[in-house]
N, C-alpha and C. Protein backbone atom coordinates (compact mmCIF):
# COMPACT_ATOMS: atom_id res chain seq x y z
N MET A 1 -64.57 42.62 -40.97
CA MET A 1 -65.57 43.14 -40.05
C MET A 1 -65.35 42.59 -38.64
N LEU A 2 -65.09 41.27 -38.57
CA LEU A 2 -64.87 40.63 -37.27
C LEU A 2 -63.60 41.15 -36.62
N LYS A 3 -62.56 41.40 -37.43
CA LYS A 3 -61.32 41.93 -36.87
C LYS A 3 -61.52 43.35 -36.33
N LYS A 4 -62.34 44.13 -37.01
CA LYS A 4 -62.60 45.50 -36.55
C LYS A 4 -63.35 45.51 -35.23
N ILE A 5 -64.32 44.59 -35.09
CA ILE A 5 -65.08 44.47 -33.84
C ILE A 5 -64.15 44.01 -32.72
N ASN A 6 -63.29 43.04 -33.02
CA ASN A 6 -62.36 42.52 -32.02
C ASN A 6 -61.40 43.62 -31.58
N LYS A 7 -60.91 44.42 -32.53
CA LYS A 7 -59.97 45.49 -32.21
C LYS A 7 -60.65 46.56 -31.34
N SER A 8 -61.90 46.90 -31.66
CA SER A 8 -62.59 47.91 -30.86
C SER A 8 -62.92 47.38 -29.46
N MET A 9 -63.21 46.10 -29.33
CA MET A 9 -63.47 45.51 -28.02
C MET A 9 -62.20 45.53 -27.17
N LEU A 10 -61.05 45.23 -27.78
CA LEU A 10 -59.79 45.27 -27.05
C LEU A 10 -59.47 46.69 -26.59
N ALA A 11 -59.73 47.67 -27.46
CA ALA A 11 -59.47 49.06 -27.09
C ALA A 11 -60.39 49.50 -25.96
N ALA A 12 -61.66 49.09 -26.02
CA ALA A 12 -62.60 49.46 -24.97
C ALA A 12 -62.23 48.82 -23.64
N SER A 13 -61.82 47.56 -23.66
CA SER A 13 -61.44 46.89 -22.41
C SER A 13 -60.17 47.49 -21.84
N ALA A 14 -59.22 47.88 -22.71
CA ALA A 14 -57.99 48.53 -22.22
C ALA A 14 -58.31 49.88 -21.59
N ALA A 15 -59.23 50.62 -22.19
CA ALA A 15 -59.62 51.91 -21.61
C ALA A 15 -60.32 51.72 -20.28
N PHE A 16 -61.13 50.67 -20.17
CA PHE A 16 -61.83 50.39 -18.92
C PHE A 16 -60.84 50.05 -17.81
N VAL A 17 -59.86 49.20 -18.11
CA VAL A 17 -58.87 48.82 -17.10
C VAL A 17 -58.03 50.04 -16.71
N ALA A 18 -57.67 50.87 -17.69
CA ALA A 18 -56.90 52.07 -17.37
C ALA A 18 -57.70 53.02 -16.48
N GLY A 19 -58.99 53.15 -16.75
CA GLY A 19 -59.84 53.99 -15.92
C GLY A 19 -59.95 53.47 -14.50
N LEU A 20 -60.10 52.16 -14.36
CA LEU A 20 -60.16 51.59 -13.02
C LEU A 20 -58.85 51.78 -12.28
N SER A 21 -57.73 51.64 -12.98
CA SER A 21 -56.43 51.82 -12.34
C SER A 21 -56.25 53.26 -11.87
N ALA A 22 -56.66 54.20 -12.70
CA ALA A 22 -56.52 55.61 -12.33
C ALA A 22 -57.42 55.94 -11.14
N GLN A 23 -58.62 55.38 -11.13
CA GLN A 23 -59.54 55.63 -10.02
C GLN A 23 -58.99 55.03 -8.74
N ASP A 24 -58.41 53.85 -8.82
CA ASP A 24 -57.86 53.18 -7.65
C ASP A 24 -56.65 53.95 -7.11
N ALA A 25 -55.84 54.53 -7.98
CA ALA A 25 -54.66 55.27 -7.54
C ALA A 25 -55.07 56.55 -6.81
N HIS A 26 -56.13 57.19 -7.26
CA HIS A 26 -56.56 58.43 -6.62
C HIS A 26 -57.41 58.18 -5.38
N ALA A 27 -57.97 56.98 -5.25
CA ALA A 27 -58.83 56.69 -4.10
C ALA A 27 -58.02 56.55 -2.82
N GLY A 28 -56.74 56.23 -2.92
CA GLY A 28 -55.93 56.01 -1.73
C GLY A 28 -55.41 57.29 -1.11
N GLY A 29 -55.83 58.45 -1.56
CA GLY A 29 -55.39 59.70 -0.97
C GLY A 29 -54.12 60.23 -1.60
N GLY A 30 -53.70 59.66 -2.74
CA GLY A 30 -52.53 60.16 -3.43
C GLY A 30 -51.23 59.74 -2.78
N GLY A 31 -51.25 58.78 -1.86
CA GLY A 31 -50.05 58.36 -1.18
C GLY A 31 -49.12 57.54 -2.04
N GLY A 32 -49.62 56.97 -3.11
CA GLY A 32 -48.79 56.16 -3.97
C GLY A 32 -48.61 54.76 -3.40
N ASN A 33 -48.00 53.93 -4.19
CA ASN A 33 -47.75 52.55 -3.77
C ASN A 33 -46.35 52.43 -3.21
N THR A 34 -46.26 52.11 -1.95
CA THR A 34 -44.98 51.80 -1.36
C THR A 34 -44.79 50.29 -1.39
N PHE A 35 -43.60 49.86 -1.10
CA PHE A 35 -43.34 48.42 -1.10
C PHE A 35 -44.20 47.70 -0.07
N ASP A 36 -44.40 48.33 1.09
CA ASP A 36 -45.22 47.71 2.13
C ASP A 36 -46.66 47.54 1.68
N ASN A 37 -47.21 48.56 1.01
CA ASN A 37 -48.59 48.45 0.52
C ASN A 37 -48.73 47.37 -0.53
N VAL A 38 -47.77 47.31 -1.44
CA VAL A 38 -47.82 46.29 -2.49
C VAL A 38 -47.70 44.91 -1.86
N TRP A 39 -46.77 44.75 -0.91
CA TRP A 39 -46.57 43.45 -0.27
C TRP A 39 -47.82 43.03 0.51
N GLN A 40 -48.44 43.97 1.20
CA GLN A 40 -49.65 43.67 1.97
C GLN A 40 -50.79 43.28 1.04
N ASN A 41 -50.96 44.00 -0.07
CA ASN A 41 -52.01 43.66 -1.03
C ASN A 41 -51.76 42.29 -1.65
N LEU A 42 -50.50 42.00 -1.96
CA LEU A 42 -50.17 40.69 -2.53
C LEU A 42 -50.43 39.58 -1.53
N SER A 43 -50.05 39.78 -0.28
CA SER A 43 -50.29 38.77 0.75
C SER A 43 -51.78 38.53 0.97
N THR A 44 -52.55 39.61 0.97
CA THR A 44 -54.00 39.49 1.14
C THR A 44 -54.63 38.78 -0.05
N SER A 45 -54.14 39.08 -1.24
CA SER A 45 -54.72 38.51 -2.45
C SER A 45 -54.48 37.01 -2.57
N ILE A 46 -53.28 36.57 -2.18
CA ILE A 46 -52.97 35.16 -2.36
C ILE A 46 -53.30 34.31 -1.14
N ALA A 47 -53.88 34.90 -0.12
CA ALA A 47 -54.19 34.15 1.10
C ALA A 47 -55.24 33.06 0.85
N GLY A 48 -56.14 33.26 -0.09
CA GLY A 48 -57.20 32.29 -0.33
C GLY A 48 -56.87 31.24 -1.37
N ILE A 49 -55.69 31.29 -1.96
CA ILE A 49 -55.35 30.33 -3.01
C ILE A 49 -55.28 28.89 -2.50
N PRO A 50 -54.68 28.60 -1.34
CA PRO A 50 -54.67 27.20 -0.91
C PRO A 50 -56.06 26.60 -0.71
N SER A 51 -56.99 27.38 -0.18
CA SER A 51 -58.34 26.83 -0.01
C SER A 51 -59.03 26.67 -1.36
N LEU A 52 -58.73 27.53 -2.33
CA LEU A 52 -59.28 27.36 -3.68
C LEU A 52 -58.73 26.10 -4.32
N ILE A 53 -57.43 25.85 -4.17
CA ILE A 53 -56.83 24.64 -4.71
C ILE A 53 -57.45 23.41 -4.05
N THR A 54 -57.70 23.48 -2.75
CA THR A 54 -58.30 22.37 -2.03
C THR A 54 -59.69 22.06 -2.56
N ILE A 55 -60.49 23.09 -2.75
CA ILE A 55 -61.86 22.88 -3.25
C ILE A 55 -61.84 22.27 -4.64
N VAL A 56 -61.01 22.83 -5.52
CA VAL A 56 -60.94 22.32 -6.89
C VAL A 56 -60.42 20.89 -6.90
N ALA A 57 -59.45 20.58 -6.05
CA ALA A 57 -58.89 19.23 -6.01
C ALA A 57 -59.94 18.22 -5.53
N TYR A 58 -60.70 18.58 -4.50
CA TYR A 58 -61.73 17.66 -4.02
C TYR A 58 -62.83 17.44 -5.07
N ILE A 59 -63.27 18.51 -5.72
CA ILE A 59 -64.32 18.36 -6.73
C ILE A 59 -63.81 17.53 -7.90
N ALA A 60 -62.62 17.84 -8.39
CA ALA A 60 -62.06 17.07 -9.50
C ALA A 60 -61.78 15.63 -9.10
N GLY A 61 -61.37 15.41 -7.84
CA GLY A 61 -61.14 14.05 -7.37
C GLY A 61 -62.42 13.23 -7.36
N VAL A 62 -63.52 13.84 -6.94
CA VAL A 62 -64.81 13.14 -6.95
C VAL A 62 -65.22 12.81 -8.38
N VAL A 63 -65.03 13.79 -9.29
CA VAL A 63 -65.40 13.56 -10.69
C VAL A 63 -64.59 12.41 -11.28
N PHE A 64 -63.27 12.43 -11.07
CA PHE A 64 -62.43 11.36 -11.61
C PHE A 64 -62.72 10.02 -10.96
N ALA A 65 -63.04 10.00 -9.67
CA ALA A 65 -63.37 8.74 -9.01
C ALA A 65 -64.66 8.16 -9.57
N VAL A 66 -65.66 9.00 -9.78
CA VAL A 66 -66.93 8.52 -10.35
C VAL A 66 -66.70 8.02 -11.78
N LEU A 67 -65.92 8.77 -12.57
CA LEU A 67 -65.62 8.31 -13.92
C LEU A 67 -64.85 6.99 -13.91
N GLY A 68 -63.95 6.83 -12.95
CA GLY A 68 -63.21 5.58 -12.83
C GLY A 68 -64.11 4.40 -12.51
N VAL A 69 -65.04 4.60 -11.58
CA VAL A 69 -65.99 3.53 -11.24
C VAL A 69 -66.85 3.19 -12.45
N LEU A 70 -67.28 4.20 -13.20
CA LEU A 70 -68.10 3.94 -14.39
C LEU A 70 -67.31 3.20 -15.46
N LYS A 71 -66.03 3.54 -15.63
CA LYS A 71 -65.20 2.83 -16.61
C LYS A 71 -64.96 1.38 -16.19
N VAL A 72 -64.76 1.16 -14.90
CA VAL A 72 -64.59 -0.23 -14.43
C VAL A 72 -65.89 -1.00 -14.64
N LYS A 73 -67.03 -0.36 -14.40
CA LYS A 73 -68.32 -1.00 -14.64
C LYS A 73 -68.49 -1.33 -16.12
N GLU A 74 -68.11 -0.40 -17.00
CA GLU A 74 -68.17 -0.68 -18.44
C GLU A 74 -67.26 -1.83 -18.82
N HIS A 75 -66.10 -1.92 -18.18
CA HIS A 75 -65.19 -3.04 -18.46
C HIS A 75 -65.79 -4.36 -18.02
N VAL A 76 -66.46 -4.36 -16.88
CA VAL A 76 -67.09 -5.60 -16.40
C VAL A 76 -68.20 -6.03 -17.35
N GLU A 77 -68.96 -5.07 -17.86
CA GLU A 77 -70.06 -5.40 -18.76
C GLU A 77 -69.57 -5.81 -20.15
N ASN A 78 -68.52 -5.19 -20.65
CA ASN A 78 -68.02 -5.49 -21.98
C ASN A 78 -66.49 -5.36 -21.98
N PRO A 79 -65.76 -6.42 -21.61
CA PRO A 79 -64.29 -6.33 -21.48
C PRO A 79 -63.57 -6.07 -22.80
N GLN A 80 -64.15 -6.51 -23.92
CA GLN A 80 -63.47 -6.31 -25.20
C GLN A 80 -63.52 -4.84 -25.64
N GLN A 81 -64.56 -4.14 -25.27
CA GLN A 81 -64.76 -2.76 -25.72
C GLN A 81 -64.01 -1.75 -24.85
N THR A 82 -64.00 -1.94 -23.54
CA THR A 82 -63.41 -0.98 -22.61
C THR A 82 -62.27 -1.64 -21.84
N PRO A 83 -61.05 -1.17 -22.01
CA PRO A 83 -59.93 -1.76 -21.25
C PRO A 83 -59.98 -1.35 -19.78
N LEU A 84 -59.45 -2.20 -18.93
CA LEU A 84 -59.45 -1.94 -17.49
C LEU A 84 -58.50 -0.80 -17.13
N LYS A 85 -57.46 -0.59 -17.95
CA LYS A 85 -56.47 0.44 -17.61
C LYS A 85 -57.07 1.85 -17.61
N SER A 86 -58.10 2.11 -18.42
CA SER A 86 -58.69 3.45 -18.40
C SER A 86 -59.42 3.70 -17.08
N GLY A 87 -60.14 2.72 -16.58
CA GLY A 87 -60.80 2.87 -15.28
C GLY A 87 -59.80 3.00 -14.15
N ALA A 88 -58.73 2.21 -14.21
CA ALA A 88 -57.70 2.29 -13.17
C ALA A 88 -57.00 3.65 -13.20
N ALA A 89 -56.79 4.18 -14.41
CA ALA A 89 -56.14 5.49 -14.51
C ALA A 89 -57.02 6.59 -13.92
N TYR A 90 -58.32 6.55 -14.21
CA TYR A 90 -59.23 7.53 -13.62
C TYR A 90 -59.25 7.43 -12.10
N LEU A 91 -59.27 6.22 -11.58
CA LEU A 91 -59.25 6.05 -10.13
C LEU A 91 -57.95 6.55 -9.51
N ALA A 92 -56.82 6.32 -10.20
CA ALA A 92 -55.53 6.79 -9.68
C ALA A 92 -55.47 8.32 -9.67
N VAL A 93 -55.97 8.95 -10.73
CA VAL A 93 -55.97 10.41 -10.77
C VAL A 93 -56.91 10.96 -9.69
N GLY A 94 -58.05 10.34 -9.50
CA GLY A 94 -58.96 10.78 -8.45
C GLY A 94 -58.33 10.67 -7.07
N GLY A 95 -57.62 9.56 -6.83
CA GLY A 95 -56.94 9.40 -5.54
C GLY A 95 -55.83 10.42 -5.35
N ALA A 96 -55.10 10.72 -6.42
CA ALA A 96 -54.04 11.73 -6.32
C ALA A 96 -54.62 13.11 -6.04
N LEU A 97 -55.75 13.42 -6.65
CA LEU A 97 -56.38 14.72 -6.39
C LEU A 97 -56.94 14.80 -4.98
N PHE A 98 -57.42 13.67 -4.44
CA PHE A 98 -57.85 13.67 -3.04
C PHE A 98 -56.67 13.89 -2.10
N ALA A 99 -55.49 13.39 -2.46
CA ALA A 99 -54.31 13.52 -1.61
C ALA A 99 -53.64 14.88 -1.74
N LEU A 100 -53.96 15.64 -2.79
CA LEU A 100 -53.29 16.92 -3.03
C LEU A 100 -53.43 17.91 -1.87
N PRO A 101 -54.62 18.12 -1.28
CA PRO A 101 -54.70 19.07 -0.16
C PRO A 101 -53.83 18.66 1.04
N PHE A 102 -53.73 17.36 1.30
CA PHE A 102 -52.88 16.91 2.40
C PHE A 102 -51.41 17.18 2.09
N MET A 103 -51.03 16.98 0.83
CA MET A 103 -49.65 17.24 0.44
C MET A 103 -49.33 18.74 0.53
N ILE A 104 -50.29 19.57 0.16
CA ILE A 104 -50.09 21.02 0.27
C ILE A 104 -49.91 21.41 1.73
N GLU A 105 -50.71 20.81 2.62
CA GLU A 105 -50.58 21.12 4.05
C GLU A 105 -49.23 20.67 4.59
N ILE A 106 -48.77 19.51 4.17
CA ILE A 106 -47.47 19.01 4.61
C ILE A 106 -46.35 19.93 4.13
N MET A 107 -46.43 20.36 2.85
CA MET A 107 -45.40 21.25 2.33
C MET A 107 -45.44 22.62 3.02
N THR A 108 -46.64 23.11 3.31
CA THR A 108 -46.76 24.39 4.00
C THR A 108 -46.17 24.31 5.40
N ASN A 109 -46.44 23.22 6.10
CA ASN A 109 -45.88 23.04 7.44
C ASN A 109 -44.37 22.89 7.38
N ALA A 110 -43.85 22.27 6.33
CA ALA A 110 -42.40 22.12 6.20
C ALA A 110 -41.74 23.48 5.97
N VAL A 111 -42.38 24.33 5.18
CA VAL A 111 -41.81 25.65 4.90
C VAL A 111 -41.95 26.57 6.11
N ASN A 112 -43.12 26.55 6.75
CA ASN A 112 -43.37 27.45 7.89
C ASN A 112 -42.89 26.90 9.21
N GLY A 113 -42.36 25.71 9.24
CA GLY A 113 -41.91 25.12 10.49
C GLY A 113 -43.04 24.72 11.40
N GLY A 114 -44.19 24.34 10.85
CA GLY A 114 -45.34 23.92 11.63
C GLY A 114 -46.26 25.06 12.01
N ASP A 115 -45.87 26.31 11.75
CA ASP A 115 -46.69 27.46 12.08
C ASP A 115 -47.43 27.89 10.82
N THR A 116 -48.76 27.76 10.82
CA THR A 116 -49.53 28.07 9.63
C THR A 116 -49.98 29.52 9.57
N SER A 117 -49.72 30.29 10.61
CA SER A 117 -50.15 31.68 10.59
C SER A 117 -49.12 32.53 9.87
N THR A 118 -49.58 33.36 8.96
CA THR A 118 -48.66 34.23 8.23
C THR A 118 -48.43 35.54 8.97
N ALA A 119 -49.30 35.86 9.92
CA ALA A 119 -49.16 37.12 10.65
C ALA A 119 -47.88 37.12 11.50
N THR A 120 -47.56 35.99 12.11
CA THR A 120 -46.36 35.91 12.93
C THR A 120 -45.12 36.04 12.06
N ALA A 121 -45.12 35.36 10.93
CA ALA A 121 -43.98 35.44 10.03
C ALA A 121 -43.82 36.85 9.48
N GLN A 122 -44.94 37.50 9.15
CA GLN A 122 -44.88 38.86 8.61
C GLN A 122 -44.38 39.83 9.67
N ALA A 123 -44.81 39.66 10.94
CA ALA A 123 -44.35 40.53 12.02
C ALA A 123 -42.85 40.35 12.25
N THR A 124 -42.38 39.11 12.13
CA THR A 124 -40.95 38.84 12.31
C THR A 124 -40.15 39.50 11.20
N VAL A 125 -40.62 39.38 9.96
CA VAL A 125 -39.93 40.01 8.83
C VAL A 125 -39.93 41.52 9.00
N SER A 126 -41.04 42.09 9.44
CA SER A 126 -41.11 43.53 9.64
C SER A 126 -40.14 43.97 10.74
N ALA A 127 -40.06 43.18 11.81
CA ALA A 127 -39.15 43.54 12.90
C ALA A 127 -37.70 43.48 12.44
N LEU A 128 -37.38 42.49 11.60
CA LEU A 128 -36.02 42.38 11.12
C LEU A 128 -35.70 43.51 10.13
N SER A 129 -36.69 43.89 9.34
CA SER A 129 -36.47 44.93 8.34
C SER A 129 -36.28 46.31 8.98
N TYR A 130 -37.07 46.61 10.00
CA TYR A 130 -37.06 47.95 10.58
C TYR A 130 -36.30 48.03 11.91
N GLY A 131 -35.82 46.91 12.40
CA GLY A 131 -35.07 46.92 13.62
C GLY A 131 -35.92 47.10 14.87
N GLY A 132 -37.23 46.87 14.73
CA GLY A 132 -38.13 47.02 15.88
C GLY A 132 -38.44 45.67 16.49
N ALA A 133 -39.26 45.68 17.53
CA ALA A 133 -39.66 44.45 18.19
C ALA A 133 -40.81 43.82 17.42
N ALA A 134 -40.84 42.49 17.37
CA ALA A 134 -41.91 41.78 16.67
C ALA A 134 -43.19 41.89 17.48
N ALA A 135 -44.25 42.29 16.79
CA ALA A 135 -45.53 42.42 17.45
C ALA A 135 -46.35 41.19 17.21
N GLY A 136 -46.95 40.66 18.25
CA GLY A 136 -47.92 39.65 18.21
C GLY A 136 -47.68 38.33 17.85
């Protein structure tokens, strides 16, 4: 019975996704997907990922730092029951998560040559691809 329900739910969700895909394809005026459209949609979609990683890293860093302080406090209260290494490990992970957004920024600047705007890089790539002048 459970397998039958699971199978029907999978079929319904597949039909829903197929319907949304068909609606999306016809909403664009029937022009179809060109490489430029796909690339632009992909660039737009992934533009918010670094800020999402930053938010998650800061929240997880705070959680691990608080857990580390609590483990160190438990060690101070009862050293035989709670080893100090667990508190130190939590604090180290929290510190690494706090440093992650800075490391991402450093790596991004290394790849982009210090220019964090993607519009300039995209205009340059477009100019090289089409042989036109770079805009903006």
